[in-house]
Amino acid sequence: MDDRTHWDKTRRLTAILLLAWLLTGFGAVFFARELTGLTILGWPLSFYLAAQGASLLYLALIGIYAWRMRRLDRQLRERA
């Protein structure tokens, strides 16, 4: 893997994770009334997303980014 490919994969990963972050943050607020009809463990989905779900998803996005970037960086070092 050369530097150009590494950079392309890094940008693609970042764009996908930022899109997931945007959809979660914006979607939970924009569709709050529609999500109220759905429940998780007895709580409305919009409340759950605002209180805990979005935070947990953000932590998952950070974990995915760190895990994937570690693999990409390792592949770049091995081929250099």
PDB file of N, CA and C in Angstrom:
ATOM      1  N   MET A   1       0.855  -1.170   0.000  1.00  0.00           N
ATOM      2  CA  MET A   1       0.000   0.000   0.000  1.00  0.00           C
ATOM      3  C   MET A   1       0.903   1.235   0.000  1.00  0.00           C
ATOM      4  N   ASP A   2       0.647   2.146  -0.919  1.00  0.00           N
ATOM      5  CA  ASP A   2       1.432   3.371  -0.950  1.00  0.00           C
ATOM      6  C   ASP A   2       0.726   4.468  -0.154  1.00  0.00           C
ATOM      7  N   ASP A   3       1.391   5.605  -0.066  1.00  0.00           N
ATOM      8  CA  ASP A   3       0.834   6.709   0.719  1.00  0.00           C
ATOM      9  C   ASP A   3      -0.496   7.198   0.164  1.00  0.00           C
ATOM     10  N   ARG A   4      -0.612   7.209  -1.151  1.00  0.00           N
ATOM     11  CA  ARG A   4      -1.850   7.689  -1.775  1.00  0.00           C
ATOM     12  C   ARG A   4      -3.031   6.791  -1.421  1.00  0.00           C
ATOM     13  N   THR A   5      -2.837   5.483  -1.493  1.00  0.00           N
ATOM     14  CA  THR A   5      -3.903   4.542  -1.138  1.00  0.00           C
ATOM     15  C   THR A   5      -4.250   4.654   0.341  1.00  0.00           C
ATOM     16  N   HIS A   6      -3.236   4.784   1.169  1.00  0.00           N
ATOM     17  CA  HIS A   6      -3.477   4.941   2.607  1.00  0.00           C
ATOM     18  C   HIS A   6      -4.308   6.190   2.877  1.00  0.00           C
ATOM     19  N   TRP A   7      -3.958   7.273   2.237  1.00  0.00           N
ATOM     20  CA  TRP A   7      -4.683   8.518   2.426  1.00  0.00           C
ATOM     21  C   TRP A   7      -6.120   8.396   1.924  1.00  0.00           C
ATOM     22  N   ASP A   8      -6.331   7.738   0.804  1.00  0.00           N
ATOM     23  CA  ASP A   8      -7.683   7.546   0.277  1.00  0.00           C
ATOM     24  C   ASP A   8      -8.535   6.714   1.228  1.00  0.00           C
ATOM     25  N   LYS A   9      -7.953   5.655   1.760  1.00  0.00           N
ATOM     26  CA  LYS A   9      -8.709   4.822   2.704  1.00  0.00           C
ATOM     27  C   LYS A   9      -9.008   5.576   3.995  1.00  0.00           C
ATOM     28  N   THR A  10      -8.068   6.398   4.434  1.00  0.00           N
ATOM     29  CA  THR A  10      -8.289   7.187   5.647  1.00  0.00           C
ATOM     30  C   THR A  10      -9.410   8.196   5.442  1.00  0.00           C
ATOM     31  N   ARG A  11      -9.402   8.869   4.321  1.00  0.00           N
ATOM     32  CA  ARG A  11     -10.467   9.847   4.039  1.00  0.00           C
ATOM     33  C   ARG A  11     -11.822   9.172   3.896  1.00  0.00           C
ATOM     34  N   ARG A  12     -11.873   8.016   3.251  1.00  0.00           N
ATOM     35  CA  ARG A  12     -13.134   7.295   3.086  1.00  0.00           C
ATOM     36  C   ARG A  12     -13.686   6.861   4.446  1.00  0.00           C
ATOM     37  N   LEU A  13     -12.830   6.314   5.295  1.00  0.00           N
ATOM     38  CA  LEU A  13     -13.261   5.899   6.630  1.00  0.00           C
ATOM     39  C   LEU A  13     -13.774   7.090   7.425  1.00  0.00           C
ATOM     40  N   THR A  14     -13.042   8.191   7.372  1.00  0.00           N
ATOM     41  CA  THR A  14     -13.446   9.389   8.106  1.00  0.00           C
ATOM     42  C   THR A  14     -14.786   9.912   7.602  1.00  0.00           C
ATOM     43  N   ALA A  15     -14.988   9.923   6.299  1.00  0.00           N
ATOM     44  CA  ALA A  15     -16.253  10.412   5.731  1.00  0.00           C
ATOM     45  C   ALA A  15     -17.425   9.524   6.162  1.00  0.00           C
ATOM     46  N   ILE A  16     -17.232   8.212   6.139  1.00  0.00           N
ATOM     47  CA  ILE A  16     -18.307   7.296   6.531  1.00  0.00           C
ATOM     48  C   ILE A  16     -18.663   7.478   8.003  1.00  0.00           C
ATOM     49  N   LEU A  17     -17.647   7.585   8.855  1.00  0.00           N
ATOM     50  CA  LEU A  17     -17.917   7.727  10.286  1.00  0.00           C
ATOM     51  C   LEU A  17     -18.526   9.095  10.600  1.00  0.00           C
ATOM     52  N   LEU A  18     -18.096  10.132   9.899  1.00  0.00           N
ATOM     53  CA  LEU A  18     -18.718  11.443  10.110  1.00  0.00           C
ATOM     54  C   LEU A  18     -20.168  11.449   9.655  1.00  0.00           C
ATOM     55  N   LEU A  19     -20.469  10.741   8.579  1.00  0.00           N
ATOM     56  CA  LEU A  19     -21.849  10.638   8.120  1.00  0.00           C
ATOM     57  C   LEU A  19     -22.708   9.903   9.155  1.00  0.00           C
ATOM     58  N   ALA A  20     -22.186   8.833   9.716  1.00  0.00           N
ATOM     59  CA  ALA A  20     -22.915   8.107  10.769  1.00  0.00           C
ATOM     60  C   ALA A  20     -23.132   9.001  11.983  1.00  0.00           C
ATOM     61  N   TRP A  21     -22.122   9.792  12.337  1.00  0.00           N
ATOM     62  CA  TRP A  21     -22.236  10.715  13.458  1.00  0.00           C
ATOM     63  C   TRP A  21     -23.310  11.768  13.172  1.00  0.00           C
ATOM     64  N   LEU A  22     -23.297  12.318  11.970  1.00  0.00           N
ATOM     65  CA  LEU A  22     -24.275  13.341  11.590  1.00  0.00           C
ATOM     66  C   LEU A  22     -25.689  12.776  11.591  1.00  0.00           C
ATOM     67  N   LEU A  23     -25.860  11.603  11.002  1.00  0.00           N
ATOM     68  CA  LEU A  23     -27.197  11.008  10.958  1.00  0.00           C
ATOM     69  C   LEU A  23     -27.722  10.703  12.346  1.00  0.00           C
ATOM     70  N   THR A  24     -26.857  10.243  13.228  1.00  0.00           N
ATOM     71  CA  THR A  24     -27.286   9.943  14.596  1.00  0.00           C
ATOM     72  C   THR A  24     -27.677  11.206  15.341  1.00  0.00           C
ATOM     73  N   GLY A  25     -26.817  12.214  15.282  1.00  0.00           N
ATOM     74  CA  GLY A  25     -27.099  13.453  16.011  1.00  0.00           C
ATOM     75  C   GLY A  25     -28.290  14.201  15.437  1.00  0.00           C
ATOM     76  N   PHE A  26     -28.325  14.332  14.132  1.00  0.00           N
ATOM     77  CA  PHE A  26     -29.415  15.062  13.499  1.00  0.00           C
ATOM     78  C   PHE A  26     -30.695  14.237  13.489  1.00  0.00           C
ATOM     79  N   GLY A  27     -30.576  12.955  13.171  1.00  0.00           N
ATOM     80  CA  GLY A  27     -31.752  12.100  13.058  1.00  0.00           C
ATOM     81  C   GLY A  27     -32.510  11.946  14.357  1.00  0.00           C
ATOM     82  N   ALA A  28     -31.797  11.838  15.458  1.00  0.00           N
ATOM     83  CA  ALA A  28     -32.468  11.673  16.756  1.00  0.00           C
ATOM     84  C   ALA A  28     -33.309  12.886  17.097  1.00  0.00           C
ATOM     85  N   VAL A  29     -32.838  14.064  16.740  1.00  0.00           N
ATOM     86  CA  VAL A  29     -33.585  15.291  17.038  1.00  0.00           C
ATOM     87  C   VAL A  29     -34.684  15.514  16.003  1.00  0.00           C
ATOM     88  N   PHE A  30     -34.347  15.351  14.730  1.00  0.00           N
ATOM     89  CA  PHE A  30     -35.308  15.648  13.669  1.00  0.00           C
ATOM     90  C   PHE A  30     -36.485  14.678  13.667  1.00  0.00           C
ATOM     91  N   PHE A  31     -36.224  13.415  13.937  1.00  0.00           N
ATOM     92  CA  PHE A  31     -37.289  12.414  13.926  1.00  0.00           C
ATOM     93  C   PHE A  31     -37.742  12.036  15.331  1.00  0.00           C
ATOM     94  N   ALA A  32     -37.581  12.915  16.294  1.00  0.00           N
ATOM     95  CA  ALA A  32     -37.914  12.600  17.690  1.00  0.00           C
ATOM     96  C   ALA A  32     -39.381  12.203  17.855  1.00  0.00           C
ATOM     97  N   ARG A  33     -40.278  12.914  17.208  1.00  0.00           N
ATOM     98  CA  ARG A  33     -41.709  12.597  17.369  1.00  0.00           C
ATOM     99  C   ARG A  33     -42.044  11.227  16.787  1.00  0.00           C
ATOM    100  N   GLU A  34     -41.443  10.921  15.636  1.00  0.00           N
ATOM    101  CA  GLU A  34     -41.718   9.623  15.015  1.00  0.00           C
ATOM    102  C   GLU A  34     -41.080   8.485  15.808  1.00  0.00           C
ATOM    103  N   LEU A  35     -39.932   8.742  16.414  1.00  0.00           N
ATOM    104  CA  LEU A  35     -39.237   7.694  17.166  1.00  0.00           C
ATOM    105  C   LEU A  35     -39.866   7.448  18.533  1.00  0.00           C
ATOM    106  N   THR A  36     -40.728   8.334  18.983  1.00  0.00           N
ATOM    107  CA  THR A  36     -41.355   8.168  20.293  1.00  0.00           C
ATOM    108  C   THR A  36     -42.225   6.913  20.333  1.00  0.00           C
ATOM    109  N   GLY A  37     -42.776   6.518  19.186  1.00  0.00           N
ATOM    110  CA  GLY A  37     -43.618   5.328  19.134  1.00  0.00           C
ATOM    111  C   GLY A  37     -42.856   4.032  19.333  1.00  0.00           C
ATOM    112  N   LEU A  38     -41.566   4.053  19.112  1.00  0.00           N
ATOM    113  CA  LEU A  38     -40.738   2.856  19.301  1.00  0.00           C
ATOM    114  C   LEU A  38     -40.144   2.875  20.704  1.00  0.00           C
ATOM    115  N   THR A  39     -40.064   1.712  21.329  1.00  0.00           N
ATOM    116  CA  THR A  39     -39.541   1.670  22.691  1.00  0.00           C
ATOM    117  C   THR A  39     -38.383   0.675  22.788  1.00  0.00           C
ATOM    118  N   ILE A  40     -37.462   1.003  23.671  1.00  0.00           N
ATOM    119  CA  ILE A  40     -36.348   0.111  24.029  1.00  0.00           C
ATOM    120  C   ILE A  40     -36.341   0.000  25.540  1.00  0.00           C
ATOM    121  N   LEU A  41     -36.535  -1.188  26.030  1.00  0.00           N
ATOM    122  CA  LEU A  41     -36.566  -1.451  27.470  1.00  0.00           C
ATOM    123  C   LEU A  41     -37.576  -0.550  28.181  1.00  0.00           C
ATOM    124  N   GLY A  42     -38.697  -0.294  27.521  1.00  0.00           N
ATOM    125  CA  GLY A  42     -39.751   0.496  28.120  1.00  0.00           C
ATOM    126  C   GLY A  42     -39.613   1.999  27.941  1.00  0.00           C
ATOM    127  N   TRP A  43     -38.538   2.461  27.325  1.00  0.00           N
ATOM    128  CA  TRP A  43     -38.333   3.894  27.130  1.00  0.00           C
ATOM    129  C   TRP A  43     -38.549   4.228  25.654  1.00  0.00           C
ATOM    130  N   PRO A  44     -39.079   5.416  25.375  1.00  0.00           N
ATOM    131  CA  PRO A  44     -39.207   5.834  23.965  1.00  0.00           C
ATOM    132  C   PRO A  44     -37.824   5.915  23.317  1.00  0.00           C
ATOM    133  N   LEU A  45     -37.741   5.510  22.061  1.00  0.00           N
ATOM    134  CA  LEU A  45     -36.448   5.467  21.365  1.00  0.00           C
ATOM    135  C   LEU A  45     -35.805   6.848  21.287  1.00  0.00           C
ATOM    136  N   SER A  46     -36.602   7.893  21.091  1.00  0.00           N
ATOM    137  CA  SER A  46     -36.019   9.242  21.012  1.00  0.00           C
ATOM    138  C   SER A  46     -35.373   9.636  22.339  1.00  0.00           C
ATOM    139  N   PHE A  47     -36.014   9.297  23.451  1.00  0.00           N
ATOM    140  CA  PHE A  47     -35.437   9.589  24.762  1.00  0.00           C
ATOM    141  C   PHE A  47     -34.170   8.772  24.983  1.00  0.00           C
ATOM    142  N   TYR A  48     -34.215   7.508  24.600  1.00  0.00           N
ATOM    143  CA  TYR A  48     -33.049   6.643  24.776  1.00  0.00           C
ATOM    144  C   TYR A  48     -31.857   7.149  23.958  1.00  0.00           C
ATOM    145  N   LEU A  49     -32.124   7.554  22.710  1.00  0.00           N
ATOM    146  CA  LEU A  49     -31.041   8.067  21.874  1.00  0.00           C
ATOM    147  C   LEU A  49     -30.455   9.342  22.454  1.00  0.00           C
ATOM    148  N   ALA A  50     -31.315  10.231  22.945  1.00  0.00           N
ATOM    149  CA  ALA A  50     -30.820  11.478  23.504  1.00  0.00           C
ATOM    150  C   ALA A  50     -30.059  11.247  24.799  1.00  0.00           C
ATOM    151  N   ALA A  51     -30.527  10.319  25.623  1.00  0.00           N
ATOM    152  CA  ALA A  51     -29.923  10.122  26.931  1.00  0.00           C
ATOM    153  C   ALA A  51     -28.674   9.254  26.878  1.00  0.00           C
ATOM    154  N   GLN A  52     -28.714   8.142  26.153  1.00  0.00           N
ATOM    155  CA  GLN A  52     -27.602   7.198  26.201  1.00  0.00           C
ATOM    156  C   GLN A  52     -27.182   6.679  24.842  1.00  0.00           C
ATOM    157  N   GLY A  53     -28.124   6.443  23.986  1.00  0.00           N
ATOM    158  CA  GLY A  53     -27.817   5.764  22.729  1.00  0.00           C
ATOM    159  C   GLY A  53     -26.829   6.514  21.857  1.00  0.00           C
ATOM    160  N   ALA A  54     -26.999   7.823  21.739  1.00  0.00           N
ATOM    161  CA  ALA A  54     -26.090   8.594  20.896  1.00  0.00           C
ATOM    162  C   ALA A  54     -24.688   8.593  21.480  1.00  0.00           C
ATOM    163  N   SER A  55     -24.586   8.715  22.783  1.00  0.00           N
ATOM    164  CA  SER A  55     -23.265   8.689  23.418  1.00  0.00           C
ATOM    165  C   SER A  55     -22.580   7.347  23.211  1.00  0.00           C
ATOM    166  N   LEU A  56     -23.331   6.273  23.347  1.00  0.00           N
ATOM    167  CA  LEU A  56     -22.754   4.943  23.126  1.00  0.00           C
ATOM    168  C   LEU A  56     -22.337   4.763  21.674  1.00  0.00           C
ATOM    169  N   LEU A  57     -23.154   5.291  20.767  1.00  0.00           N
ATOM    170  CA  LEU A  57     -22.792   5.206  19.353  1.00  0.00           C
ATOM    171  C   LEU A  57     -21.540   6.023  19.052  1.00  0.00           C
ATOM    172  N   TYR A  58     -21.404   7.186  19.665  1.00  0.00           N
ATOM    173  CA  TYR A  58     -20.198   7.995  19.458  1.00  0.00           C
ATOM    174  C   TYR A  58     -18.965   7.245  19.957  1.00  0.00           C
ATOM    175  N   LEU A  59     -19.080   6.598  21.097  1.00  0.00           N
ATOM    176  CA  LEU A  59     -17.949   5.803  21.602  1.00  0.00           C
ATOM    177  C   LEU A  59     -17.615   4.671  20.644  1.00  0.00           C
ATOM    178  N   ALA A  60     -18.643   4.048  20.073  1.00  0.00           N
ATOM    179  CA  ALA A  60     -18.412   2.971  19.107  1.00  0.00           C
ATOM    180  C   ALA A  60     -17.718   3.509  17.859  1.00  0.00           C
ATOM    181  N   LEU A  61     -18.115   4.699  17.397  1.00  0.00           N
ATOM    182  CA  LEU A  61     -17.474   5.302  16.223  1.00  0.00           C
ATOM    183  C   LEU A  61     -16.001   5.585  16.491  1.00  0.00           C
ATOM    184  N   ILE A  62     -15.687   6.069  17.677  1.00  0.00           N
ATOM    185  CA  ILE A  62     -14.288   6.328  18.036  1.00  0.00           C
ATOM    186  C   ILE A  62     -13.509   5.016  18.072  1.00  0.00           C
ATOM    187  N   GLY A  63     -14.116   3.989  18.645  1.00  0.00           N
ATOM    188  CA  GLY A  63     -13.459   2.684  18.695  1.00  0.00           C
ATOM    189  C   GLY A  63     -13.219   2.110  17.306  1.00  0.00           C
ATOM    190  N   ILE A  64     -14.205   2.224  16.441  1.00  0.00           N
ATOM    191  CA  ILE A  64     -14.061   1.727  15.061  1.00  0.00           C
ATOM    192  C   ILE A  64     -12.955   2.491  14.338  1.00  0.00           C
ATOM    193  N   TYR A  65     -12.921   3.802  14.532  1.00  0.00           N
ATOM    194  CA  TYR A  65     -11.895   4.605  13.873  1.00  0.00           C
ATOM    195  C   TYR A  65     -10.502   4.207  14.360  1.00  0.00           C
ATOM    196  N   ALA A  66     -10.334   4.074  15.655  1.00  0.00           N
ATOM    197  CA  ALA A  66      -9.021   3.701  16.209  1.00  0.00           C
ATOM    198  C   ALA A  66      -8.605   2.314  15.736  1.00  0.00           C
ATOM    199  N   TRP A  67      -9.513   1.372  15.755  1.00  0.00           N
ATOM    200  CA  TRP A  67      -9.203   0.000  15.338  1.00  0.00           C
ATOM    201  C   TRP A  67      -8.814  -0.051  13.867  1.00  0.00           C
ATOM    202  N   ARG A  68      -9.609   0.618  13.033  1.00  0.00           N
ATOM    203  CA  ARG A  68      -9.349   0.567  11.596  1.00  0.00           C
ATOM    204  C   ARG A  68      -8.073   1.329  11.215  1.00  0.00           C
ATOM    205  N   MET A  69      -7.842   2.476  11.845  1.00  0.00           N
ATOM    206  CA  MET A  69      -6.635   3.245  11.538  1.00  0.00           C
ATOM    207  C   MET A  69      -5.384   2.505  11.994  1.00  0.00           C
ATOM    208  N   ARG A  70      -5.479   1.789  13.083  1.00  0.00           N
ATOM    209  CA  ARG A  70      -4.337   0.999  13.531  1.00  0.00           C
ATOM    210  C   ARG A  70      -3.982  -0.052  12.477  1.00  0.00           C
ATOM    211  N   ARG A  71      -5.000  -0.701  11.943  1.00  0.00           N
ATOM    212  CA  ARG A  71      -4.751  -1.708  10.898  1.00  0.00           C
ATOM    213  C   ARG A  71      -4.183  -1.078   9.638  1.00  0.00           C
ATOM    214  N   LEU A  72      -4.729   0.054   9.217  1.00  0.00           N
ATOM    215  CA  LEU A  72      -4.228   0.731   8.020  1.00  0.00           C
ATOM    216  C   LEU A  72      -2.787   1.193   8.210  1.00  0.00           C
ATOM    217  N   ASP A  73      -2.484   1.749   9.376  1.00  0.00           N
ATOM    218  CA  ASP A  73      -1.113   2.203   9.637  1.00  0.00           C
ATOM    219  C   ASP A  73      -0.142   1.028   9.670  1.00  0.00           C
ATOM    220  N   ARG A  74      -0.580  -0.080  10.238  1.00  0.00           N
ATOM    221  CA  ARG A  74       0.276  -1.270  10.281  1.00  0.00           C
ATOM    222  C   ARG A  74       0.553  -1.796   8.862  1.00  0.00           C
ATOM    223  N   GLN A  75      -0.473  -1.800   8.029  1.00  0.00           N
ATOM    224  CA  GLN A  75      -0.287  -2.235   6.644  1.00  0.00           C
ATOM    225  C   GLN A  75       0.665  -1.308   5.905  1.00  0.00           C
ATOM    226  N   LEU A  76       0.574  -0.019   6.153  1.00  0.00           N
ATOM    227  CA  LEU A  76       1.469   0.941   5.491  1.00  0.00           C
ATOM    228  C   LEU A  76       2.914   0.724   5.932  1.00  0.00           C
ATOM    229  N   ARG A  77       3.134   0.485   7.223  1.00  0.00           N
ATOM    230  CA  ARG A  77       4.500   0.255   7.725  1.00  0.00           C
ATOM    231  C   ARG A  77       5.093  -1.022   7.170  1.00  0.00           C
ATOM    232  N   GLU A  78       4.256  -2.068   7.052  1.00  0.00           N
ATOM    233  CA  GLU A  78       4.756  -3.345   6.551  1.00  0.00           C
ATOM    234  C   GLU A  78       5.174  -3.254   5.083  1.00  0.00           C
ATOM    235  N   ARG A  79       4.500  -2.442   4.312  1.00  0.00           N
ATOM    236  CA  ARG A  79       4.800  -2.347   2.884  1.00  0.00           C
ATOM    237  C   ARG A  79       5.857  -1.287   2.574  1.00  0.00           C
ATOM    238  N   ALA A  80       6.177  -0.464   3.565  1.00  0.00           N
ATOM    239  CA  ALA A  80       7.179   0.594   3.326  1.00  0.00           C
ATOM    240  C   ALA A  80       8.597   0.043   3.410  1.00  0.00           C
TER     241      ALA A  80
END
